[in-house]
């Protein structure tokens, strides 16, 4: 993306980003697209197109017979990211939609029920991280579900498994770093300055190399499908994961055990180096 795009107003940037999105992904865009999406006037849409042409003259050309703009062969994005993830995230939530209403008639996502998070609790945790302070929390767990289970923690980061958020913190009761589910914190009160060195949270600041591959129970033809699906090289895909988050990753992908009893079609991938990962986690 071009550095000059940072200097324009946010509202203009969002419209130009949408213009470029339509141009690249759908192959055509006109002033009516901007007026319909953002509720602006035709003259304002014309100004936006002129601005985009000034910033990226080699990206856009006008089809006078069809009366729309289309991408030039030399197209190089200055606002959007060229990736499938970026496309689907934009389609599922357009620039003017709220999280509750965004969507599309031809793209859909499986609903993800919202986990409740008390905003006062979240604000207290954010401020305690910024100010490096101890927090007294009333935490409800399955082992201690009743109110009044007060713990002193020194939080330093937030993490998510894609379904729920937790705060990573030093627990002064167990003298170890742990994850606390945000939705299970009933109250939080900031206390004194923390003397905990958060950099000593080894599992948060260190990573494991995760290697996944097709389930050996699959046929060779089925394995080739998995390879294509994950863009594997030599029947494996390697990536890094924080040690503290590997538990959640392994549950999400179903790679938490070597010899799965599930059929290959049900569990299509396995962790090739699970023993190595588990050994490093025990250090």
Foldseek 3Di string as FASTA:
>chain_A
DDPVLVPDDPVLSLLLLVQVLCQPPVFWDALVVSCVVPVDDSVVSVVSVVVNCVVCVQFWDADVVVGIIHGHPPHDDDRFDPDPVRSLVCQQAPPPHDNVPGHDPVDDDDDQDDQDADPQQVVQLVVCQVQQFKKWWQFADPVRRDTDPIWIWGFHAWDDLVRFIWTWTQTPVVRAIDTGTRSRTPDMDTDGHDPDDPVPNQQQPDKDKWKKFFDPLDDPVLRVVVCVVVVDDPRIDIDIDRSNCVVSVCVVLVQQDDDDPDHCVVNTMYTPCNVVSVVVSVD
